[in-house]
N, C-alpha and C. Protein backbone atom coordinates (compact mmCIF):
# COMPACT_ATOMS: atom_id res chain seq x y z
N MET A 1 0.82 -1.19 0.00
CA MET A 1 0.00 0.00 0.00
C MET A 1 0.86 1.26 0.00
N PHE A 2 2.02 1.18 0.64
CA PHE A 2 2.88 2.35 0.71
C PHE A 2 3.40 2.72 -0.68
N ILE A 3 3.70 1.71 -1.49
CA ILE A 3 4.17 1.97 -2.84
C ILE A 3 3.06 2.61 -3.67
N ASP A 4 1.83 2.20 -3.44
CA ASP A 4 0.70 2.83 -4.13
C ASP A 4 0.59 4.30 -3.74
N PHE A 5 0.82 4.59 -2.47
CA PHE A 5 0.79 5.97 -2.01
C PHE A 5 1.87 6.80 -2.69
N VAL A 6 3.07 6.25 -2.80
CA VAL A 6 4.17 6.97 -3.45
C VAL A 6 3.86 7.16 -4.94
N LEU A 7 3.24 6.17 -5.56
CA LEU A 7 2.83 6.32 -6.96
C LEU A 7 1.83 7.46 -7.13
N LEU A 8 0.85 7.51 -6.25
CA LEU A 8 -0.13 8.58 -6.33
C LEU A 8 0.50 9.95 -6.09
N TRP A 9 1.45 9.99 -5.16
CA TRP A 9 2.13 11.25 -4.86
C TRP A 9 2.95 11.73 -6.04
N SER A 10 3.67 10.85 -6.69
CA SER A 10 4.46 11.27 -7.84
C SER A 10 3.56 11.68 -8.99
N ALA A 11 2.40 11.04 -9.13
CA ALA A 11 1.44 11.45 -10.16
C ALA A 11 0.90 12.85 -9.87
N VAL A 12 0.63 13.13 -8.60
CA VAL A 12 0.13 14.45 -8.23
C VAL A 12 1.17 15.52 -8.54
N ILE A 13 2.42 15.24 -8.23
CA ILE A 13 3.47 16.24 -8.49
C ILE A 13 3.61 16.49 -9.99
N SER A 14 3.57 15.44 -10.78
CA SER A 14 3.73 15.65 -12.23
C SER A 14 2.52 16.36 -12.83
N VAL A 15 1.31 16.05 -12.38
CA VAL A 15 0.12 16.73 -12.89
C VAL A 15 0.11 18.19 -12.45
N LEU A 16 0.50 18.45 -11.20
CA LEU A 16 0.56 19.84 -10.74
C LEU A 16 1.60 20.64 -11.50
N LYS A 17 2.69 20.00 -11.86
CA LYS A 17 3.72 20.69 -12.65
C LYS A 17 3.15 21.10 -14.00
N LEU A 18 2.43 20.19 -14.65
CA LEU A 18 1.82 20.52 -15.93
C LEU A 18 0.76 21.61 -15.79
N ALA A 19 0.00 21.56 -14.70
CA ALA A 19 -1.04 22.56 -14.49
C ALA A 19 -0.46 23.93 -14.16
N LEU A 20 0.64 23.97 -13.40
CA LEU A 20 1.26 25.25 -13.06
C LEU A 20 1.86 25.93 -14.29
N LYS A 21 2.33 25.14 -15.23
CA LYS A 21 2.87 25.70 -16.47
C LYS A 21 1.77 25.94 -17.50
N GLU A 22 0.52 25.70 -17.11
CA GLU A 22 -0.68 25.91 -17.92
C GLU A 22 -0.67 25.09 -19.21
N TYR A 23 -0.11 23.87 -19.14
CA TYR A 23 -0.18 22.95 -20.27
C TYR A 23 -1.51 22.21 -20.28
N ILE A 24 -2.08 22.01 -19.09
CA ILE A 24 -3.38 21.35 -18.97
C ILE A 24 -4.27 22.17 -18.06
N SER A 25 -5.58 21.98 -18.22
CA SER A 25 -6.53 22.70 -17.36
C SER A 25 -6.73 21.94 -16.05
N THR A 26 -7.43 22.57 -15.14
CA THR A 26 -7.70 21.95 -13.84
C THR A 26 -8.56 20.69 -14.02
N GLU A 27 -9.55 20.77 -14.90
CA GLU A 27 -10.43 19.63 -15.12
C GLU A 27 -9.67 18.45 -15.74
N THR A 28 -8.76 18.75 -16.65
CA THR A 28 -7.96 17.69 -17.25
C THR A 28 -7.04 17.05 -16.22
N GLY A 29 -6.46 17.88 -15.35
CA GLY A 29 -5.61 17.36 -14.28
C GLY A 29 -6.38 16.45 -13.34
N ALA A 30 -7.61 16.85 -13.01
CA ALA A 30 -8.44 16.01 -12.14
C ALA A 30 -8.76 14.68 -12.81
N LEU A 31 -9.07 14.72 -14.10
CA LEU A 31 -9.35 13.48 -14.82
C LEU A 31 -8.11 12.59 -14.90
N LEU A 32 -6.94 13.18 -15.08
CA LEU A 32 -5.71 12.40 -15.10
C LEU A 32 -5.46 11.73 -13.76
N LEU A 33 -5.69 12.47 -12.66
CA LEU A 33 -5.47 11.90 -11.33
C LEU A 33 -6.46 10.77 -11.05
N ILE A 34 -7.70 10.93 -11.47
CA ILE A 34 -8.67 9.85 -11.30
C ILE A 34 -8.28 8.64 -12.14
N GLY A 35 -7.76 8.89 -13.33
CA GLY A 35 -7.29 7.79 -14.18
C GLY A 35 -6.14 7.04 -13.55
N VAL A 36 -5.20 7.77 -12.95
CA VAL A 36 -4.07 7.12 -12.27
C VAL A 36 -4.58 6.31 -11.09
N LEU A 37 -5.52 6.89 -10.34
CA LEU A 37 -6.09 6.18 -9.20
C LEU A 37 -6.76 4.89 -9.64
N LEU A 38 -7.57 4.94 -10.69
CA LEU A 38 -8.24 3.74 -11.17
C LEU A 38 -7.25 2.71 -11.69
N PHE A 39 -6.18 3.16 -12.35
CA PHE A 39 -5.15 2.25 -12.82
C PHE A 39 -4.49 1.51 -11.66
N VAL A 40 -4.16 2.23 -10.59
CA VAL A 40 -3.52 1.60 -9.44
C VAL A 40 -4.47 0.62 -8.77
N VAL A 41 -5.73 1.02 -8.63
CA VAL A 41 -6.72 0.13 -8.00
C VAL A 41 -6.93 -1.13 -8.83
N ILE A 42 -7.06 -0.98 -10.14
CA ILE A 42 -7.30 -2.14 -11.00
C ILE A 42 -6.11 -3.09 -10.98
N THR A 43 -4.88 -2.55 -11.02
CA THR A 43 -3.73 -3.45 -10.97
C THR A 43 -3.65 -4.18 -9.64
N ARG A 44 -4.07 -3.55 -8.55
CA ARG A 44 -4.09 -4.24 -7.25
C ARG A 44 -5.16 -5.31 -7.22
N LEU A 45 -6.34 -4.99 -7.74
CA LEU A 45 -7.42 -5.97 -7.71
C LEU A 45 -7.13 -7.18 -8.58
N MET A 46 -6.41 -6.96 -9.66
CA MET A 46 -6.07 -8.07 -10.55
C MET A 46 -4.90 -8.89 -10.02
N GLY A 47 -4.29 -8.45 -8.94
CA GLY A 47 -3.19 -9.19 -8.35
C GLY A 47 -1.87 -8.99 -9.07
N SER A 48 -1.72 -7.86 -9.72
CA SER A 48 -0.50 -7.59 -10.47
C SER A 48 0.68 -7.37 -9.53
N ASN A 49 1.83 -7.87 -9.92
CA ASN A 49 3.05 -7.69 -9.14
C ASN A 49 3.96 -6.64 -9.75
N ILE A 50 3.42 -5.79 -10.60
CA ILE A 50 4.23 -4.79 -11.28
C ILE A 50 4.93 -3.88 -10.28
N PHE A 51 4.22 -3.41 -9.27
CA PHE A 51 4.77 -2.43 -8.34
C PHE A 51 5.19 -3.03 -7.01
N ARG A 52 5.21 -4.32 -6.88
CA ARG A 52 5.51 -4.94 -5.60
C ARG A 52 6.95 -5.35 -5.41
N GLU A 53 7.75 -5.30 -6.42
CA GLU A 53 9.13 -5.73 -6.29
C GLU A 53 9.89 -4.79 -5.35
N ARG A 54 10.77 -5.36 -4.59
CA ARG A 54 11.52 -4.55 -3.62
C ARG A 54 12.47 -3.57 -4.28
N SER A 55 12.92 -3.89 -5.46
CA SER A 55 13.84 -2.97 -6.14
C SER A 55 13.14 -1.73 -6.65
N ARG A 56 11.85 -1.75 -6.69
CA ARG A 56 11.10 -0.61 -7.21
C ARG A 56 10.97 0.53 -6.19
N VAL A 57 11.03 0.24 -4.91
CA VAL A 57 10.83 1.27 -3.89
C VAL A 57 11.87 2.39 -4.01
N PRO A 58 13.17 2.08 -4.09
CA PRO A 58 14.13 3.18 -4.26
C PRO A 58 13.93 3.96 -5.55
N LYS A 59 13.47 3.31 -6.59
CA LYS A 59 13.21 4.01 -7.85
C LYS A 59 12.08 5.01 -7.70
N PHE A 60 11.05 4.66 -6.93
CA PHE A 60 9.96 5.60 -6.73
C PHE A 60 10.40 6.80 -5.89
N PHE A 61 11.18 6.54 -4.85
CA PHE A 61 11.68 7.67 -4.06
C PHE A 61 12.58 8.56 -4.90
N LEU A 62 13.39 7.96 -5.74
CA LEU A 62 14.27 8.74 -6.60
C LEU A 62 13.45 9.54 -7.61
N SER A 63 12.43 8.93 -8.20
CA SER A 63 11.61 9.67 -9.15
C SER A 63 10.83 10.78 -8.47
N LEU A 64 10.36 10.53 -7.25
CA LEU A 64 9.66 11.57 -6.51
C LEU A 64 10.58 12.74 -6.21
N ALA A 65 11.81 12.44 -5.78
CA ALA A 65 12.78 13.50 -5.50
C ALA A 65 13.14 14.26 -6.77
N LEU A 66 13.29 13.56 -7.89
CA LEU A 66 13.63 14.23 -9.13
C LEU A 66 12.48 15.11 -9.63
N PHE A 67 11.23 14.66 -9.46
CA PHE A 67 10.10 15.50 -9.83
C PHE A 67 10.07 16.77 -8.98
N ALA A 68 10.26 16.61 -7.67
CA ALA A 68 10.23 17.77 -6.79
C ALA A 68 11.38 18.73 -7.12
N LEU A 69 12.56 18.18 -7.41
CA LEU A 69 13.69 19.04 -7.76
C LEU A 69 13.48 19.71 -9.11
N SER A 70 12.83 19.04 -10.05
CA SER A 70 12.60 19.67 -11.34
C SER A 70 11.58 20.79 -11.24
N VAL A 71 10.59 20.62 -10.37
CA VAL A 71 9.61 21.69 -10.15
C VAL A 71 10.29 22.88 -9.48
N ALA A 72 11.22 22.59 -8.55
CA ALA A 72 11.88 23.65 -7.80
C ALA A 72 13.12 24.19 -8.51
N ASP A 73 13.42 23.71 -9.70
CA ASP A 73 14.58 24.15 -10.48
C ASP A 73 15.89 23.98 -9.72
N GLY A 74 16.03 22.87 -8.99
CA GLY A 74 17.29 22.53 -8.34
C GLY A 74 17.45 23.04 -6.92
N ASP A 75 16.54 23.85 -6.42
CA ASP A 75 16.62 24.36 -5.06
C ASP A 75 16.08 23.31 -4.09
N VAL A 76 16.93 22.80 -3.20
CA VAL A 76 16.54 21.70 -2.32
C VAL A 76 15.46 22.13 -1.33
N ARG A 77 15.61 23.31 -0.75
CA ARG A 77 14.59 23.79 0.21
C ARG A 77 13.23 23.95 -0.46
N LEU A 78 13.23 24.50 -1.64
CA LEU A 78 11.98 24.66 -2.36
C LEU A 78 11.41 23.30 -2.78
N ALA A 79 12.28 22.33 -3.08
CA ALA A 79 11.81 20.98 -3.42
C ALA A 79 11.11 20.34 -2.23
N ILE A 80 11.66 20.54 -1.04
CA ILE A 80 11.01 20.02 0.17
C ILE A 80 9.67 20.70 0.39
N GLN A 81 9.61 22.01 0.14
CA GLN A 81 8.34 22.72 0.27
C GLN A 81 7.32 22.23 -0.75
N VAL A 82 7.77 21.96 -1.97
CA VAL A 82 6.86 21.42 -3.00
C VAL A 82 6.31 20.07 -2.55
N ALA A 83 7.18 19.24 -1.99
CA ALA A 83 6.73 17.93 -1.51
C ALA A 83 5.70 18.09 -0.38
N ILE A 84 5.91 19.06 0.49
CA ILE A 84 4.96 19.30 1.58
C ILE A 84 3.65 19.86 1.04
N TRP A 85 3.73 20.80 0.11
CA TRP A 85 2.52 21.41 -0.45
C TRP A 85 1.66 20.41 -1.19
N THR A 86 2.27 19.47 -1.83
CA THR A 86 1.52 18.52 -2.64
C THR A 86 1.07 17.29 -1.85
N MET A 87 1.30 17.26 -0.58
CA MET A 87 0.99 16.09 0.23
C MET A 87 -0.51 15.87 0.42
N ALA A 88 -1.32 16.93 0.37
CA ALA A 88 -2.75 16.80 0.64
C ALA A 88 -3.47 16.00 -0.45
N LEU A 89 -3.13 16.22 -1.70
CA LEU A 89 -3.82 15.51 -2.78
C LEU A 89 -3.58 14.01 -2.76
N PRO A 90 -2.33 13.52 -2.60
CA PRO A 90 -2.19 12.07 -2.56
C PRO A 90 -2.80 11.44 -1.31
N ILE A 91 -2.88 12.18 -0.22
CA ILE A 91 -3.56 11.64 0.97
C ILE A 91 -5.03 11.44 0.65
N CYS A 92 -5.63 12.39 -0.04
CA CYS A 92 -7.03 12.27 -0.45
C CYS A 92 -7.20 11.11 -1.43
N LEU A 93 -6.32 11.01 -2.42
CA LEU A 93 -6.40 9.92 -3.38
C LEU A 93 -6.18 8.57 -2.71
N PHE A 94 -5.29 8.52 -1.72
CA PHE A 94 -5.04 7.27 -1.02
C PHE A 94 -6.26 6.85 -0.21
N GLY A 95 -6.97 7.82 0.37
CA GLY A 95 -8.22 7.50 1.06
C GLY A 95 -9.26 6.93 0.11
N MET A 96 -9.35 7.51 -1.09
CA MET A 96 -10.27 6.98 -2.10
C MET A 96 -9.82 5.60 -2.56
N TYR A 97 -8.50 5.40 -2.65
CA TYR A 97 -7.95 4.09 -3.03
C TYR A 97 -8.38 3.02 -2.03
N ILE A 98 -8.28 3.33 -0.75
CA ILE A 98 -8.69 2.37 0.28
C ILE A 98 -10.18 2.08 0.18
N CYS A 99 -10.97 3.12 -0.08
CA CYS A 99 -12.42 2.93 -0.22
C CYS A 99 -12.74 2.04 -1.41
N PHE A 100 -12.14 2.32 -2.58
CA PHE A 100 -12.42 1.52 -3.77
C PHE A 100 -11.92 0.08 -3.61
N ARG A 101 -10.75 -0.06 -3.03
CA ARG A 101 -10.18 -1.39 -2.88
C ARG A 101 -11.00 -2.24 -1.92
N SER A 102 -11.47 -1.62 -0.83
CA SER A 102 -12.27 -2.40 0.11
C SER A 102 -13.67 -2.67 -0.44
N ALA A 103 -14.21 -1.76 -1.23
CA ALA A 103 -15.55 -1.96 -1.77
C ALA A 103 -15.58 -3.01 -2.88
N PHE A 104 -14.57 -3.00 -3.75
CA PHE A 104 -14.60 -3.88 -4.90
C PHE A 104 -13.65 -5.08 -4.75
N GLY A 105 -12.92 -5.14 -3.67
CA GLY A 105 -11.95 -6.22 -3.50
C GLY A 105 -12.59 -7.57 -3.21
N ARG A 106 -13.82 -7.58 -2.76
CA ARG A 106 -14.47 -8.84 -2.38
C ARG A 106 -15.35 -9.39 -3.48
N MET A 107 -15.34 -8.79 -4.63
CA MET A 107 -16.21 -9.25 -5.73
C MET A 107 -15.62 -10.47 -6.38
């Protein structure tokens, strides 16, 4: 579940980066985040081992750090602030993930 949370967090950072540069609208960003959420839920329900390998965890942390640093243009303090600012959206998505997984996991 923790790897799913990190996946959702990195998706939020990348979508927010695109939205801040005005490449996508707010509605498109919301649809992308819902799509990522559904993808993660479906792969879990199908029993996929794509994201469960132990070697993948450091890669996700590295990708998350690189996304935050790219948004902050190399400033480490600003990258930490970006990570803190974007924490609310993946927490919300993770709550929805738990709801969907528990609701549809027993089918």
